[in-house]
Amino acid sequence: MGVGFVVGLFGVLILAHAAYSTIQYRSLLKIMQEEFSGPPFHVAIELILGLVLSMWAALTVPGKFHSINPEAEENRIVSLPANQDFMVFNHRGRLFPKQTDLKLKR
């Protein structure tokens, strides 16, 4: 487990604690018959901290982004004549079987 994974796990735990604290706060307000206007300040700080840690981990754990080279031979390019807006590359959809015998049901 890397540092990013541990930070992400810590961020998720902070978010879960903030949710639990908000639920407890709402039940306390129901007992005191007061209206809920928002979470307390310390819970809002927990939410922001948990969000930042979780987002940082989500962006660093998967790895670095690689660019797609449209001139690569393993990519099949299908484009309209003189129009580069519609380019189709190989993707995971080619693993699914093609169904050519589809019929409309009425």
PDB file of N, CA and C in Angstrom:
ATOM      1  N   MET A   1       0.836  -1.178   0.000  1.00  0.00           N
ATOM      2  CA  MET A   1       0.000   0.000   0.000  1.00  0.00           C
ATOM      3  C   MET A   1       0.881   1.242   0.000  1.00  0.00           C
ATOM      4  N   GLY A   2       0.592   2.112  -0.937  1.00  0.00           N
ATOM      5  CA  GLY A   2       1.354   3.338  -1.027  1.00  0.00           C
ATOM      6  C   GLY A   2       0.788   4.432  -0.143  1.00  0.00           C
ATOM      7  N   VAL A   3       1.499   5.532  -0.138  1.00  0.00           N
ATOM      8  CA  VAL A   3       1.093   6.672   0.676  1.00  0.00           C
ATOM      9  C   VAL A   3      -0.244   7.221   0.176  1.00  0.00           C
ATOM     10  N   GLY A   4      -0.437   7.277  -1.132  1.00  0.00           N
ATOM     11  CA  GLY A   4      -1.680   7.794  -1.692  1.00  0.00           C
ATOM     12  C   GLY A   4      -2.884   6.980  -1.268  1.00  0.00           C
ATOM     13  N   PHE A   5      -2.736   5.668  -1.231  1.00  0.00           N
ATOM     14  CA  PHE A   5      -3.834   4.804  -0.819  1.00  0.00           C
ATOM     15  C   PHE A   5      -4.192   5.033   0.650  1.00  0.00           C
ATOM     16  N   VAL A   6      -3.188   5.176   1.497  1.00  0.00           N
ATOM     17  CA  VAL A   6      -3.430   5.401   2.924  1.00  0.00           C
ATOM     18  C   VAL A   6      -4.100   6.759   3.133  1.00  0.00           C
ATOM     19  N   VAL A   7      -3.643   7.771   2.403  1.00  0.00           N
ATOM     20  CA  VAL A   7      -4.258   9.096   2.508  1.00  0.00           C
ATOM     21  C   VAL A   7      -5.711   9.036   2.044  1.00  0.00           C
ATOM     22  N   GLY A   8      -5.981   8.309   0.959  1.00  0.00           N
ATOM     23  CA  GLY A   8      -7.352   8.159   0.486  1.00  0.00           C
ATOM     24  C   GLY A   8      -8.234   7.439   1.488  1.00  0.00           C
ATOM     25  N   LEU A   9      -7.722   6.406   2.094  1.00  0.00           N
ATOM     26  CA  LEU A   9      -8.473   5.677   3.119  1.00  0.00           C
ATOM     27  C   LEU A   9      -8.759   6.579   4.320  1.00  0.00           C
ATOM     28  N   PHE A  10      -7.778   7.380   4.715  1.00  0.00           N
ATOM     29  CA  PHE A  10      -7.955   8.316   5.811  1.00  0.00           C
ATOM     30  C   PHE A  10      -9.010   9.367   5.448  1.00  0.00           C
ATOM     31  N   GLY A  11      -8.998   9.838   4.201  1.00  0.00           N
ATOM     32  CA  GLY A  11      -9.992  10.808   3.755  1.00  0.00           C
ATOM     33  C   GLY A  11     -11.395  10.241   3.779  1.00  0.00           C
ATOM     34  N   VAL A  12     -11.552   8.982   3.366  1.00  0.00           N
ATOM     35  CA  VAL A  12     -12.869   8.342   3.387  1.00  0.00           C
ATOM     36  C   VAL A  12     -13.339   8.147   4.830  1.00  0.00           C
ATOM     37  N   LEU A  13     -12.425   7.791   5.720  1.00  0.00           N
ATOM     38  CA  LEU A  13     -12.792   7.649   7.134  1.00  0.00           C
ATOM     39  C   LEU A  13     -13.220   8.990   7.736  1.00  0.00           C
ATOM     40  N   ILE A  14     -12.556  10.066   7.356  1.00  0.00           N
ATOM     41  CA  ILE A  14     -12.950  11.390   7.838  1.00  0.00           C
ATOM     42  C   ILE A  14     -14.336  11.749   7.319  1.00  0.00           C
ATOM     43  N   LEU A  15     -14.617  11.448   6.043  1.00  0.00           N
ATOM     44  CA  LEU A  15     -15.942  11.717   5.488  1.00  0.00           C
ATOM     45  C   LEU A  15     -17.016  10.899   6.204  1.00  0.00           C
ATOM     46  N   ALA A  16     -16.719   9.648   6.518  1.00  0.00           N
ATOM     47  CA  ALA A  16     -17.682   8.814   7.235  1.00  0.00           C
ATOM     48  C   ALA A  16     -17.932   9.360   8.643  1.00  0.00           C
ATOM     49  N   HIS A  17     -16.885   9.819   9.308  1.00  0.00           N
ATOM     50  CA  HIS A  17     -17.054  10.393  10.638  1.00  0.00           C
ATOM     51  C   HIS A  17     -17.871  11.675  10.580  1.00  0.00           C
ATOM     52  N   ALA A  18     -17.656  12.491   9.568  1.00  0.00           N
ATOM     53  CA  ALA A  18     -18.434  13.719   9.425  1.00  0.00           C
ATOM     54  C   ALA A  18     -19.907  13.405   9.187  1.00  0.00           C
ATOM     55  N   ALA A  19     -20.190  12.373   8.403  1.00  0.00           N
ATOM     56  CA  ALA A  19     -21.578  11.974   8.174  1.00  0.00           C
ATOM     57  C   ALA A  19     -22.211  11.486   9.472  1.00  0.00           C
ATOM     58  N   TYR A  20     -21.484  10.690  10.236  1.00  0.00           N
ATOM     59  CA  TYR A  20     -21.993  10.194  11.513  1.00  0.00           C
ATOM     60  C   TYR A  20     -22.228  11.348  12.490  1.00  0.00           C
ATOM     61  N   SER A  21     -21.313  12.312  12.509  1.00  0.00           N
ATOM     62  CA  SER A  21     -21.478  13.466  13.399  1.00  0.00           C
ATOM     63  C   SER A  21     -22.698  14.290  13.010  1.00  0.00           C
ATOM     64  N   THR A  22     -22.945  14.425  11.712  1.00  0.00           N
ATOM     65  CA  THR A  22     -24.122  15.175  11.263  1.00  0.00           C
ATOM     66  C   THR A  22     -25.400  14.457  11.652  1.00  0.00           C
ATOM     67  N   ILE A  23     -25.424  13.147  11.536  1.00  0.00           N
ATOM     68  CA  ILE A  23     -26.603  12.372  11.935  1.00  0.00           C
ATOM     69  C   ILE A  23     -26.850  12.514  13.434  1.00  0.00           C
ATOM     70  N   GLN A  24     -25.798  12.454  14.226  1.00  0.00           N
ATOM     71  CA  GLN A  24     -25.943  12.643  15.679  1.00  0.00           C
ATOM     72  C   GLN A  24     -26.446  14.045  15.999  1.00  0.00           C
ATOM     73  N   TYR A  25     -25.933  15.050  15.302  1.00  0.00           N
ATOM     74  CA  TYR A  25     -26.342  16.428  15.538  1.00  0.00           C
ATOM     75  C   TYR A  25     -27.818  16.622  15.199  1.00  0.00           C
ATOM     76  N   ARG A  26     -28.259  16.023  14.097  1.00  0.00           N
ATOM     77  CA  ARG A  26     -29.676  16.136  13.717  1.00  0.00           C
ATOM     78  C   ARG A  26     -30.581  15.440  14.739  1.00  0.00           C
ATOM     79  N   SER A  27     -30.168  14.294  15.236  1.00  0.00           N
ATOM     80  CA  SER A  27     -30.994  13.614  16.240  1.00  0.00           C
ATOM     81  C   SER A  27     -31.037  14.408  17.541  1.00  0.00           C
ATOM     82  N   LEU A  28     -29.943  15.078  17.900  1.00  0.00           N
ATOM     83  CA  LEU A  28     -29.940  15.944  19.080  1.00  0.00           C
ATOM     84  C   LEU A  28     -30.891  17.123  18.886  1.00  0.00           C
ATOM     85  N   LEU A  29     -30.902  17.699  17.682  1.00  0.00           N
ATOM     86  CA  LEU A  29     -31.813  18.810  17.401  1.00  0.00           C
ATOM     87  C   LEU A  29     -33.269  18.355  17.439  1.00  0.00           C
ATOM     88  N   LYS A  30     -33.545  17.123  17.010  1.00  0.00           N
ATOM     89  CA  LYS A  30     -34.913  16.605  17.077  1.00  0.00           C
ATOM     90  C   LYS A  30     -35.363  16.450  18.530  1.00  0.00           C
ATOM     91  N   ILE A  31     -34.468  16.013  19.387  1.00  0.00           N
ATOM     92  CA  ILE A  31     -34.797  15.863  20.801  1.00  0.00           C
ATOM     93  C   ILE A  31     -35.078  17.233  21.421  1.00  0.00           C
ATOM     94  N   MET A  32     -34.275  18.225  21.028  1.00  0.00           N
ATOM     95  CA  MET A  32     -34.453  19.576  21.561  1.00  0.00           C
ATOM     96  C   MET A  32     -35.531  20.354  20.806  1.00  0.00           C
ATOM     97  N   GLN A  33     -36.131  19.760  19.801  1.00  0.00           N
ATOM     98  CA  GLN A  33     -37.186  20.340  18.975  1.00  0.00           C
ATOM     99  C   GLN A  33     -36.743  21.655  18.339  1.00  0.00           C
ATOM    100  N   GLU A  34     -35.563  21.625  17.733  1.00  0.00           N
ATOM    101  CA  GLU A  34     -35.046  22.767  16.989  1.00  0.00           C
ATOM    102  C   GLU A  34     -34.934  22.388  15.520  1.00  0.00           C
ATOM    103  N   GLU A  35     -34.832  23.393  14.670  1.00  0.00           N
ATOM    104  CA  GLU A  35     -34.765  23.153  13.228  1.00  0.00           C
ATOM    105  C   GLU A  35     -33.309  23.019  12.792  1.00  0.00           C
ATOM    106  N   PHE A  36     -33.081  22.110  11.838  1.00  0.00           N
ATOM    107  CA  PHE A  36     -31.734  21.886  11.300  1.00  0.00           C
ATOM    108  C   PHE A  36     -31.459  22.924  10.216  1.00  0.00           C
ATOM    109  N   SER A  37     -30.417  23.714  10.394  1.00  0.00           N
ATOM    110  CA  SER A  37     -30.066  24.731   9.396  1.00  0.00           C
ATOM    111  C   SER A  37     -28.760  24.405   8.689  1.00  0.00           C
ATOM    112  N   GLY A  38     -28.020  23.469   9.199  1.00  0.00           N
ATOM    113  CA  GLY A  38     -26.755  23.075   8.588  1.00  0.00           C
ATOM    114  C   GLY A  38     -25.877  22.401   9.615  1.00  0.00           C
ATOM    115  N   PRO A  39     -24.823  21.770   9.156  1.00  0.00           N
ATOM    116  CA  PRO A  39     -23.933  21.079  10.108  1.00  0.00           C
ATOM    117  C   PRO A  39     -23.113  22.092  10.905  1.00  0.00           C
ATOM    118  N   PRO A  40     -22.613  21.688  12.058  1.00  0.00           N
ATOM    119  CA  PRO A  40     -21.752  22.578  12.845  1.00  0.00           C
ATOM    120  C   PRO A  40     -20.453  22.890  12.092  1.00  0.00           C
ATOM    121  N   PHE A  41     -19.754  23.900  12.583  1.00  0.00           N
ATOM    122  CA  PHE A  41     -18.538  24.362  11.906  1.00  0.00           C
ATOM    123  C   PHE A  41     -17.468  23.275  11.847  1.00  0.00           C
ATOM    124  N   HIS A  42     -17.263  22.538  12.943  1.00  0.00           N
ATOM    125  CA  HIS A  42     -16.212  21.517  12.950  1.00  0.00           C
ATOM    126  C   HIS A  42     -16.543  20.370  11.979  1.00  0.00           C
ATOM    127  N   VAL A  43     -17.820  20.096  11.763  1.00  0.00           N
ATOM    128  CA  VAL A  43     -18.197  19.060  10.803  1.00  0.00           C
ATOM    129  C   VAL A  43     -17.955  19.552   9.372  1.00  0.00           C
ATOM    130  N   ALA A  44     -18.208  20.835   9.132  1.00  0.00           N
ATOM    131  CA  ALA A  44     -17.930  21.397   7.805  1.00  0.00           C
ATOM    132  C   ALA A  44     -16.441  21.360   7.502  1.00  0.00           C
ATOM    133  N   ILE A  45     -15.607  21.626   8.497  1.00  0.00           N
ATOM    134  CA  ILE A  45     -14.150  21.534   8.313  1.00  0.00           C
ATOM    135  C   ILE A  45     -13.746  20.093   8.032  1.00  0.00           C
ATOM    136  N   GLU A  46     -14.361  19.137   8.736  1.00  0.00           N
ATOM    137  CA  GLU A  46     -14.091  17.713   8.477  1.00  0.00           C
ATOM    138  C   GLU A  46     -14.465  17.337   7.054  1.00  0.00           C
ATOM    139  N   LEU A  47     -15.614  17.828   6.586  1.00  0.00           N
ATOM    140  CA  LEU A  47     -16.057  17.524   5.231  1.00  0.00           C
ATOM    141  C   LEU A  47     -15.069  18.051   4.192  1.00  0.00           C
ATOM    142  N   ILE A  48     -14.610  19.269   4.381  1.00  0.00           N
ATOM    143  CA  ILE A  48     -13.664  19.862   3.427  1.00  0.00           C
ATOM    144  C   ILE A  48     -12.341  19.107   3.452  1.00  0.00           C
ATOM    145  N   LEU A  49     -11.849  18.789   4.635  1.00  0.00           N
ATOM    146  CA  LEU A  49     -10.585  18.051   4.749  1.00  0.00           C
ATOM    147  C   LEU A  49     -10.695  16.654   4.132  1.00  0.00           C
ATOM    148  N   GLY A  50     -11.792  15.954   4.430  1.00  0.00           N
ATOM    149  CA  GLY A  50     -11.989  14.621   3.856  1.00  0.00           C
ATOM    150  C   GLY A  50     -12.119  14.671   2.340  1.00  0.00           C
ATOM    151  N   LEU A  51     -12.801  15.691   1.832  1.00  0.00           N
ATOM    152  CA  LEU A  51     -12.942  15.841   0.378  1.00  0.00           C
ATOM    153  C   LEU A  51     -11.595  16.097  -0.281  1.00  0.00           C
ATOM    154  N   VAL A  52     -10.803  16.975   0.299  1.00  0.00           N
ATOM    155  CA  VAL A  52      -9.487  17.288  -0.279  1.00  0.00           C
ATOM    156  C   VAL A  52      -8.587  16.055  -0.266  1.00  0.00           C
ATOM    157  N   LEU A  53      -8.550  15.342   0.844  1.00  0.00           N
ATOM    158  CA  LEU A  53      -7.699  14.149   0.928  1.00  0.00           C
ATOM    159  C   LEU A  53      -8.154  13.057  -0.044  1.00  0.00           C
ATOM    160  N   SER A  54      -9.460  12.863  -0.154  1.00  0.00           N
ATOM    161  CA  SER A  54      -9.973  11.837  -1.058  1.00  0.00           C
ATOM    162  C   SER A  54      -9.710  12.195  -2.515  1.00  0.00           C
ATOM    163  N   MET A  55      -9.895  13.468  -2.853  1.00  0.00           N
ATOM    164  CA  MET A  55      -9.636  13.887  -4.234  1.00  0.00           C
ATOM    165  C   MET A  55      -8.153  13.781  -4.573  1.00  0.00           C
ATOM    166  N   TRP A  56      -7.283  14.142  -3.642  1.00  0.00           N
ATOM    167  CA  TRP A  56      -5.848  14.042  -3.892  1.00  0.00           C
ATOM    168  C   TRP A  56      -5.454  12.580  -4.136  1.00  0.00           C
ATOM    169  N   ALA A  57      -6.003  11.685  -3.320  1.00  0.00           N
ATOM    170  CA  ALA A  57      -5.683  10.265  -3.477  1.00  0.00           C
ATOM    171  C   ALA A  57      -6.248   9.722  -4.789  1.00  0.00           C
ATOM    172  N   ALA A  58      -7.440  10.158  -5.164  1.00  0.00           N
ATOM    173  CA  ALA A  58      -8.046   9.672  -6.402  1.00  0.00           C
ATOM    174  C   ALA A  58      -7.249  10.114  -7.621  1.00  0.00           C
ATOM    175  N   LEU A  59      -6.594  11.250  -7.547  1.00  0.00           N
ATOM    176  CA  LEU A  59      -5.811  11.733  -8.677  1.00  0.00           C
ATOM    177  C   LEU A  59      -4.397  11.179  -8.706  1.00  0.00           C
ATOM    178  N   THR A  60      -3.856  10.755  -7.579  1.00  0.00           N
ATOM    179  CA  THR A  60      -2.471  10.281  -7.558  1.00  0.00           C
ATOM    180  C   THR A  60      -2.339   8.767  -7.561  1.00  0.00           C
ATOM    181  N   VAL A  61      -3.308   8.046  -7.024  1.00  0.00           N
ATOM    182  CA  VAL A  61      -3.170   6.585  -6.911  1.00  0.00           C
ATOM    183  C   VAL A  61      -3.201   5.891  -8.271  1.00  0.00           C
ATOM    184  N   PRO A  62      -4.111   6.229  -9.204  1.00  0.00           N
ATOM    185  CA  PRO A  62      -4.168   5.475 -10.455  1.00  0.00           C
ATOM    186  C   PRO A  62      -2.903   5.555 -11.285  1.00  0.00           C
ATOM    187  N   GLY A  63      -2.153   6.604 -11.219  1.00  0.00           N
ATOM    188  CA  GLY A  63      -0.924   6.720 -11.980  1.00  0.00           C
ATOM    189  C   GLY A  63      -0.954   7.930 -12.881  1.00  0.00           C
ATOM    190  N   LYS A  64       0.002   7.979 -13.788  1.00  0.00           N
ATOM    191  CA  LYS A  64       0.104   9.127 -14.679  1.00  0.00           C
ATOM    192  C   LYS A  64      -0.759   8.911 -15.913  1.00  0.00           C
ATOM    193  N   PHE A  65      -1.255  10.021 -16.453  1.00  0.00           N
ATOM    194  CA  PHE A  65      -2.032   9.964 -17.678  1.00  0.00           C
ATOM    195  C   PHE A  65      -1.096   9.829 -18.863  1.00  0.00           C
ATOM    196  N   HIS A  66      -1.505   9.044 -19.856  1.00  0.00           N
ATOM    197  CA  HIS A  66      -0.755   8.894 -21.093  1.00  0.00           C
ATOM    198  C   HIS A  66      -1.583   9.452 -22.230  1.00  0.00           C
ATOM    199  N   SER A  67      -0.913  10.136 -23.133  1.00  0.00           N
ATOM    200  CA  SER A  67      -1.646  10.699 -24.253  1.00  0.00           C
ATOM    201  C   SER A  67      -1.877   9.629 -25.318  1.00  0.00           C
ATOM    202  N   ILE A  68      -2.949   9.802 -26.076  1.00  0.00           N
ATOM    203  CA  ILE A  68      -3.275   8.882 -27.160  1.00  0.00           C
ATOM    204  C   ILE A  68      -2.658   9.426 -28.433  1.00  0.00           C
ATOM    205  N   ASN A  69      -1.852   8.639 -29.083  1.00  0.00           N
ATOM    206  CA  ASN A  69      -1.218   9.057 -30.317  1.00  0.00           C
ATOM    207  C   ASN A  69      -2.082   8.603 -31.492  1.00  0.00           C
ATOM    208  N   PRO A  70      -2.727   9.526 -32.197  1.00  0.00           N
ATOM    209  CA  PRO A  70      -3.606   9.096 -33.292  1.00  0.00           C
ATOM    210  C   PRO A  70      -2.863   8.508 -34.476  1.00  0.00           C
ATOM    211  N   GLU A  71      -1.550   8.725 -34.576  1.00  0.00           N
ATOM    212  CA  GLU A  71      -0.795   8.174 -35.704  1.00  0.00           C
ATOM    213  C   GLU A  71      -0.236   6.781 -35.416  1.00  0.00           C
ATOM    214  N   ALA A  72      -0.511   6.216 -34.250  1.00  0.00           N
ATOM    215  CA  ALA A  72       0.001   4.897 -33.900  1.00  0.00           C
ATOM    216  C   ALA A  72      -0.653   3.833 -34.770  1.00  0.00           C
ATOM    217  N   GLU A  73       0.110   2.794 -35.101  1.00  0.00           N
ATOM    218  CA  GLU A  73      -0.393   1.751 -35.987  1.00  0.00           C
ATOM    219  C   GLU A  73      -1.432   0.864 -35.320  1.00  0.00           C
ATOM    220  N   GLU A  74      -1.386   0.707 -34.000  1.00  0.00           N
ATOM    221  CA  GLU A  74      -2.367  -0.147 -33.337  1.00  0.00           C
ATOM    222  C   GLU A  74      -3.733   0.518 -33.214  1.00  0.00           C
ATOM    223  N   ASN A  75      -3.813   1.804 -33.443  1.00  0.00           N
ATOM    224  CA  ASN A  75      -5.095   2.500 -33.427  1.00  0.00           C
ATOM    225  C   ASN A  75      -5.638   2.580 -34.852  1.00  0.00           C
ATOM    226  N   ARG A  76      -6.867   2.175 -34.997  1.00  0.00           N
ATOM    227  CA  ARG A  76      -7.516   2.245 -36.303  1.00  0.00           C
ATOM    228  C   ARG A  76      -8.317   3.540 -36.334  1.00  0.00           C
ATOM    229  N   ILE A  77      -8.025   4.395 -37.291  1.00  0.00           N
ATOM    230  CA  ILE A  77      -8.694   5.682 -37.385  1.00  0.00           C
ATOM    231  C   ILE A  77      -9.765   5.614 -38.467  1.00  0.00           C
ATOM    232  N   VAL A  78     -10.970   5.963 -38.084  1.00  0.00           N
ATOM    233  CA  VAL A  78     -12.063   6.086 -39.034  1.00  0.00           C
ATOM    234  C   VAL A  78     -12.505   7.528 -38.983  1.00  0.00           C
ATOM    235  N   SER A  79     -12.416   8.230 -40.074  1.00  0.00           N
ATOM    236  CA  SER A  79     -12.800   9.634 -40.062  1.00  0.00           C
ATOM    237  C   SER A  79     -13.571   9.969 -41.328  1.00  0.00           C
ATOM    238  N   LEU A  80     -14.345  10.997 -41.219  1.00  0.00           N
ATOM    239  CA  LEU A  80     -15.058  11.489 -42.379  1.00  0.00           C
ATOM    240  C   LEU A  80     -14.071  12.226 -43.281  1.00  0.00           C
ATOM    241  N   PRO A  81     -14.333  12.289 -44.559  1.00  0.00           N
ATOM    242  CA  PRO A  81     -13.389  12.963 -45.461  1.00  0.00           C
ATOM    243  C   PRO A  81     -13.165  14.426 -45.064  1.00  0.00           C
ATOM    244  N   ALA A  82     -11.916  14.779 -44.897  1.00  0.00           N
ATOM    245  CA  ALA A  82     -11.477  16.136 -44.566  1.00  0.00           C
ATOM    246  C   ALA A  82     -12.126  16.659 -43.275  1.00  0.00           C
ATOM    247  N   ASN A  83     -12.464  15.768 -42.371  1.00  0.00           N
ATOM    248  CA  ASN A  83     -13.063  16.198 -41.115  1.00  0.00           C
ATOM    249  C   ASN A  83     -12.417  15.397 -39.988  1.00  0.00           C
ATOM    250  N   GLN A  84     -11.636  16.044 -39.173  1.00  0.00           N
ATOM    251  CA  GLN A  84     -10.936  15.358 -38.090  1.00  0.00           C
ATOM    252  C   GLN A  84     -11.703  15.409 -36.768  1.00  0.00           C
ATOM    253  N   ASP A  85     -12.949  15.893 -36.784  1.00  0.00           N
ATOM    254  CA  ASP A  85     -13.723  15.977 -35.549  1.00  0.00           C
ATOM    255  C   ASP A  85     -14.225  14.627 -35.069  1.00  0.00           C
ATOM    256  N   PHE A  86     -14.439  13.683 -35.990  1.00  0.00           N
ATOM    257  CA  PHE A  86     -14.992  12.385 -35.635  1.00  0.00           C
ATOM    258  C   PHE A  86     -13.939  11.312 -35.855  1.00  0.00           C
ATOM    259  N   MET A  87     -13.159  11.014 -34.809  1.00  0.00           N
ATOM    260  CA  MET A  87     -12.128   9.982 -34.893  1.00  0.00           C
ATOM    261  C   MET A  87     -12.513   8.863 -33.941  1.00  0.00           C
ATOM    262  N   VAL A  88     -12.404   7.615 -34.396  1.00  0.00           N
ATOM    263  CA  VAL A  88     -12.741   6.465 -33.569  1.00  0.00           C
ATOM    264  C   VAL A  88     -11.481   5.620 -33.438  1.00  0.00           C
ATOM    265  N   PHE A  89     -11.103   5.332 -32.201  1.00  0.00           N
ATOM    266  CA  PHE A  89      -9.934   4.498 -31.927  1.00  0.00           C
ATOM    267  C   PHE A  89     -10.405   3.131 -31.443  1.00  0.00           C
ATOM    268  N   ASN A  90      -9.497   2.173 -31.424  1.00  0.00           N
ATOM    269  CA  ASN A  90      -9.830   0.866 -30.859  1.00  0.00           C
ATOM    270  C   ASN A  90     -10.149   1.041 -29.382  1.00  0.00           C
ATOM    271  N   HIS A  91     -11.124   0.291 -28.912  1.00  0.00           N
ATOM    272  CA  HIS A  91     -11.513   0.388 -27.520  1.00  0.00           C
ATOM    273  C   HIS A  91     -12.008  -0.973 -27.044  1.00  0.00           C
ATOM    274  N   ARG A  92     -12.430  -1.057 -25.797  1.00  0.00           N
ATOM    275  CA  ARG A  92     -12.830  -2.334 -25.211  1.00  0.00           C
ATOM    276  C   ARG A  92     -14.132  -2.862 -25.778  1.00  0.00           C
ATOM    277  N   GLY A  93     -14.883  -2.052 -26.481  1.00  0.00           N
ATOM    278  CA  GLY A  93     -16.148  -2.491 -27.051  1.00  0.00           C
ATOM    279  C   GLY A  93     -15.979  -3.574 -28.099  1.00  0.00           C
ATOM    280  N   ARG A  94     -14.783  -3.698 -28.659  1.00  0.00           N
ATOM    281  CA  ARG A  94     -14.568  -4.732 -29.678  1.00  0.00           C
ATOM    282  C   ARG A  94     -14.570  -6.140 -29.080  1.00  0.00           C
ATOM    283  N   LEU A  95     -14.496  -6.254 -27.754  1.00  0.00           N
ATOM    284  CA  LEU A  95     -14.520  -7.564 -27.113  1.00  0.00           C
ATOM    285  C   LEU A  95     -15.921  -8.152 -27.044  1.00  0.00           C
ATOM    286  N   PHE A  96     -16.934  -7.298 -27.127  1.00  0.00           N
ATOM    287  CA  PHE A  96     -18.303  -7.779 -27.067  1.00  0.00           C
ATOM    288  C   PHE A  96     -18.715  -8.360 -28.417  1.00  0.00           C
ATOM    289  N   PRO A  97     -19.506  -9.432 -28.409  1.00  0.00           N
ATOM    290  CA  PRO A  97     -19.923 -10.017 -29.688  1.00  0.00           C
ATOM    291  C   PRO A  97     -20.874  -9.079 -30.430  1.00  0.00           C
ATOM    292  N   LYS A  98     -20.733  -9.085 -31.739  1.00  0.00           N
ATOM    293  CA  LYS A  98     -21.606  -8.268 -32.569  1.00  0.00           C
ATOM    294  C   LYS A  98     -22.915  -9.012 -32.772  1.00  0.00           C
ATOM    295  N   GLN A  99     -24.021  -8.331 -32.553  1.00  0.00           N
ATOM    296  CA  GLN A  99     -25.334  -8.935 -32.735  1.00  0.00           C
ATOM    297  C   GLN A  99     -25.942  -8.377 -34.006  1.00  0.00           C
ATOM    298  N   THR A 100     -25.946  -9.176 -35.039  1.00  0.00           N
ATOM    299  CA  THR A 100     -26.466  -8.688 -36.324  1.00  0.00           C
ATOM    300  C   THR A 100     -27.880  -9.149 -36.580  1.00  0.00           C
ATOM    301  N   ASP A 101     -28.395 -10.058 -35.774  1.00  0.00           N
ATOM    302  CA  ASP A 101     -29.729 -10.590 -36.004  1.00  0.00           C
ATOM    303  C   ASP A 101     -30.754  -9.994 -35.027  1.00  0.00           C
ATOM    304  N   LEU A 102     -30.662  -8.702 -34.794  1.00  0.00           N
ATOM    305  CA  LEU A 102     -31.596  -8.032 -33.906  1.00  0.00           C
ATOM    306  C   LEU A 102     -32.884  -7.735 -34.640  1.00  0.00           C
ATOM    307  N   LYS A 103     -33.994  -7.966 -33.980  1.00  0.00           N
ATOM    308  CA  LYS A 103     -35.300  -7.701 -34.565  1.00  0.00           C
ATOM    309  C   LYS A 103     -36.079  -6.809 -33.612  1.00  0.00           C
ATOM    310  N   LEU A 104     -36.898  -5.949 -34.196  1.00  0.00           N
ATOM    311  CA  LEU A 104     -37.731  -5.073 -33.397  1.00  0.00           C
ATOM    312  C   LEU A 104     -38.948  -5.839 -32.883  1.00  0.00           C
ATOM    313  N   LYS A 105     -39.249  -5.663 -31.599  1.00  0.00           N
ATOM    314  CA  LYS A 105     -40.423  -6.301 -31.017  1.00  0.00           C
ATOM    315  C   LYS A 105     -41.534  -5.273 -30.938  1.00  0.00           C
ATOM    316  N   ARG A 106     -42.722  -5.685 -31.367  1.00  0.00           N
ATOM    317  CA  ARG A 106     -43.871  -4.755 -31.333  1.00  0.00           C
ATOM    318  C   ARG A 106     -44.970  -5.336 -30.503  1.00  0.00           C
TER     319      ARG A 106
END
